[in-house]
Amino acid sequence: MTAAGAAPDPEEKPAEIVREAPAEARSVSGRKRTFFHPYSGLVILAVDWLAFGLDLPTEFLITPVVSLIAFAVTFWAVAKIQLGDGDAPRSAYLKAFLGAAAAGVPFPVTGTIMGTAILLLSGLPAGRWRR
């Protein structure tokens, strides 16, 4: 430090405040953060399962309409859940788009690798979302 009226020392650097990094990322509700909120994972899989269970009785005639509706409903719901959990808007909308794309494809993803990925990314299998 320099005394009042003395020339500043060229070697002296300003102090830097450093905070400790949190051990684990936490959501707004205090639960351990996963890529998808657990409710988002449930919405994605439930909408997908409900929407494409209707294909067989309608002989797949309304599949394009059902795909668009499943995409829209899932996008809206996942965006609301992710924004409510404290995600930045860009991140929430990206997650909503990914979830809506999974729910909107014209076949059920529940028993596929994609469905397993959604389960794992939302922390549903281990029940990690409970406080």
Protein backbone atom coordinates (compact mmCIF):
# COMPACT_ATOMS: atom_id res chain seq x y z
CA MET A 1 0.00 0.00 0.00
CA THR A 2 1.10 3.50 -0.59
CA ALA A 3 1.03 6.32 1.91
CA ALA A 4 -1.04 9.42 1.22
CA GLY A 5 0.75 11.58 -1.29
CA ALA A 6 3.28 8.89 -2.29
CA ALA A 7 3.56 7.57 -5.83
CA PRO A 8 1.72 4.28 -6.48
CA ASP A 9 3.83 1.15 -6.62
CA PRO A 10 3.84 -0.25 -10.19
CA GLU A 11 4.11 -3.82 -8.81
CA GLU A 12 0.99 -3.45 -6.62
CA LYS A 13 -2.15 -5.10 -7.99
CA PRO A 14 -5.72 -4.40 -6.87
CA ALA A 15 -7.25 -6.82 -4.42
CA GLU A 16 -9.48 -9.51 -5.85
CA ILE A 17 -12.45 -10.95 -4.01
CA VAL A 18 -12.84 -14.66 -4.60
CA ARG A 19 -15.86 -16.62 -3.47
CA GLU A 20 -15.79 -20.33 -2.83
CA ALA A 21 -17.44 -22.35 -5.54
CA PRO A 22 -20.45 -24.29 -4.32
CA ALA A 23 -19.83 -27.99 -3.81
CA GLU A 24 -22.92 -28.87 -5.86
CA ALA A 25 -25.16 -26.81 -8.07
CA ARG A 26 -28.55 -26.39 -6.43
CA SER A 27 -31.87 -25.32 -7.88
CA VAL A 28 -34.09 -22.56 -6.55
CA SER A 29 -35.94 -25.15 -4.43
CA GLY A 30 -32.68 -26.45 -2.93
CA ARG A 31 -32.70 -29.79 -4.78
CA LYS A 32 -29.57 -31.02 -6.54
CA ARG A 33 -29.68 -29.59 -10.06
CA THR A 34 -30.07 -31.97 -12.99
CA PHE A 35 -30.21 -31.04 -16.70
CA PHE A 36 -34.01 -31.37 -16.78
CA HIS A 37 -36.13 -30.64 -13.73
CA PRO A 38 -37.75 -33.95 -12.67
CA TYR A 39 -41.21 -32.57 -13.52
CA SER A 40 -39.93 -31.69 -17.00
CA GLY A 41 -38.82 -35.28 -17.47
CA LEU A 42 -42.24 -36.51 -16.36
CA VAL A 43 -44.01 -34.11 -18.74
CA ILE A 44 -41.86 -35.14 -21.71
CA LEU A 45 -42.43 -38.85 -21.17
CA ALA A 46 -46.11 -38.54 -20.22
CA VAL A 47 -47.05 -36.39 -23.22
CA ASP A 48 -45.13 -38.71 -25.52
CA TRP A 49 -46.80 -41.79 -24.06
CA LEU A 50 -50.31 -40.31 -24.12
CA ALA A 51 -50.03 -38.76 -27.59
CA PHE A 52 -48.78 -41.78 -29.44
CA GLY A 53 -50.99 -44.30 -27.71
CA LEU A 54 -53.77 -42.78 -29.84
CA ASP A 55 -52.15 -43.65 -33.18
CA LEU A 56 -53.33 -47.24 -33.52
CA PRO A 57 -57.11 -46.62 -33.11
CA THR A 58 -56.96 -43.76 -35.63
CA GLU A 59 -54.90 -45.81 -38.09
CA PHE A 60 -52.11 -43.20 -37.92
CA LEU A 61 -54.19 -40.64 -39.85
CA ILE A 62 -53.83 -37.91 -37.25
CA THR A 63 -50.15 -38.53 -36.49
CA PRO A 64 -48.91 -35.19 -37.95
CA VAL A 65 -51.47 -33.24 -35.91
CA VAL A 66 -50.72 -35.22 -32.75
CA SER A 67 -46.97 -34.63 -33.26
CA LEU A 68 -47.46 -30.85 -33.50
CA ILE A 69 -49.74 -30.76 -30.46
CA ALA A 70 -47.35 -32.91 -28.42
CA PHE A 71 -44.46 -30.62 -29.40
CA ALA A 72 -46.36 -27.45 -28.47
CA VAL A 73 -47.70 -28.74 -25.15
CA THR A 74 -44.32 -30.13 -24.11
CA PHE A 75 -42.43 -26.99 -25.12
CA TRP A 76 -44.77 -24.77 -23.12
CA ALA A 77 -44.76 -27.00 -20.01
CA VAL A 78 -41.00 -27.65 -19.92
CA ALA A 79 -40.21 -23.94 -20.49
CA LYS A 80 -42.50 -22.97 -17.57
CA ILE A 81 -40.98 -25.60 -15.27
CA GLN A 82 -37.37 -24.77 -16.16
CA LEU A 83 -37.89 -21.00 -15.87
CA GLY A 84 -39.61 -21.54 -12.50
CA ASP A 85 -36.61 -23.57 -11.35
CA GLY A 86 -34.25 -20.67 -12.00
CA ASP A 87 -32.84 -21.48 -15.44
CA ALA A 88 -31.82 -18.56 -17.64
CA PRO A 89 -34.40 -18.01 -20.42
CA ARG A 90 -32.02 -19.18 -23.18
CA SER A 91 -31.22 -22.37 -21.28
CA ALA A 92 -34.87 -23.00 -20.38
CA TYR A 93 -36.01 -22.60 -23.99
CA LEU A 94 -33.23 -24.85 -25.28
CA LYS A 95 -34.25 -27.56 -22.80
CA ALA A 96 -37.90 -27.02 -23.75
CA PHE A 97 -37.04 -27.44 -27.43
CA LEU A 98 -35.06 -30.63 -26.80
CA GLY A 99 -37.85 -32.10 -24.67
CA ALA A 100 -40.54 -31.05 -27.15
CA ALA A 101 -38.60 -32.61 -30.02
CA ALA A 102 -38.38 -35.88 -28.08
CA ALA A 103 -42.10 -35.82 -27.31
CA GLY A 104 -43.09 -34.70 -30.81
CA VAL A 105 -41.42 -37.41 -32.86
CA PRO A 106 -44.12 -39.72 -34.23
CA PHE A 107 -43.24 -42.76 -32.14
CA PRO A 108 -43.10 -43.42 -28.40
CA VAL A 109 -39.64 -42.80 -26.92
CA THR A 110 -40.39 -44.17 -23.46
CA GLY A 111 -38.72 -47.55 -23.96
CA THR A 112 -35.87 -46.30 -26.13
CA ILE A 113 -32.39 -44.96 -25.47
CA MET A 114 -33.83 -41.44 -25.81
CA GLY A 115 -36.37 -42.16 -23.08
CA THR A 116 -33.63 -43.55 -20.85
CA ALA A 117 -31.56 -40.40 -21.45
CA ILE A 118 -34.51 -38.21 -20.43
CA LEU A 119 -34.95 -40.24 -17.26
CA LEU A 120 -31.27 -39.95 -16.38
CA LEU A 121 -31.01 -36.24 -17.25
CA SER A 122 -33.97 -35.44 -15.00
CA GLY A 123 -32.76 -37.55 -12.07
CA LEU A 124 -35.93 -39.63 -11.97
CA PRO A 125 -34.59 -43.19 -11.60
CA ALA A 126 -32.79 -42.60 -8.32
CA GLY A 127 -35.44 -40.37 -6.79
CA ARG A 128 -32.78 -37.64 -6.42
CA TRP A 129 -35.40 -34.91 -6.83
CA ARG A 130 -36.96 -35.51 -3.41
CA ARG A 131 -35.78 -33.27 -0.60
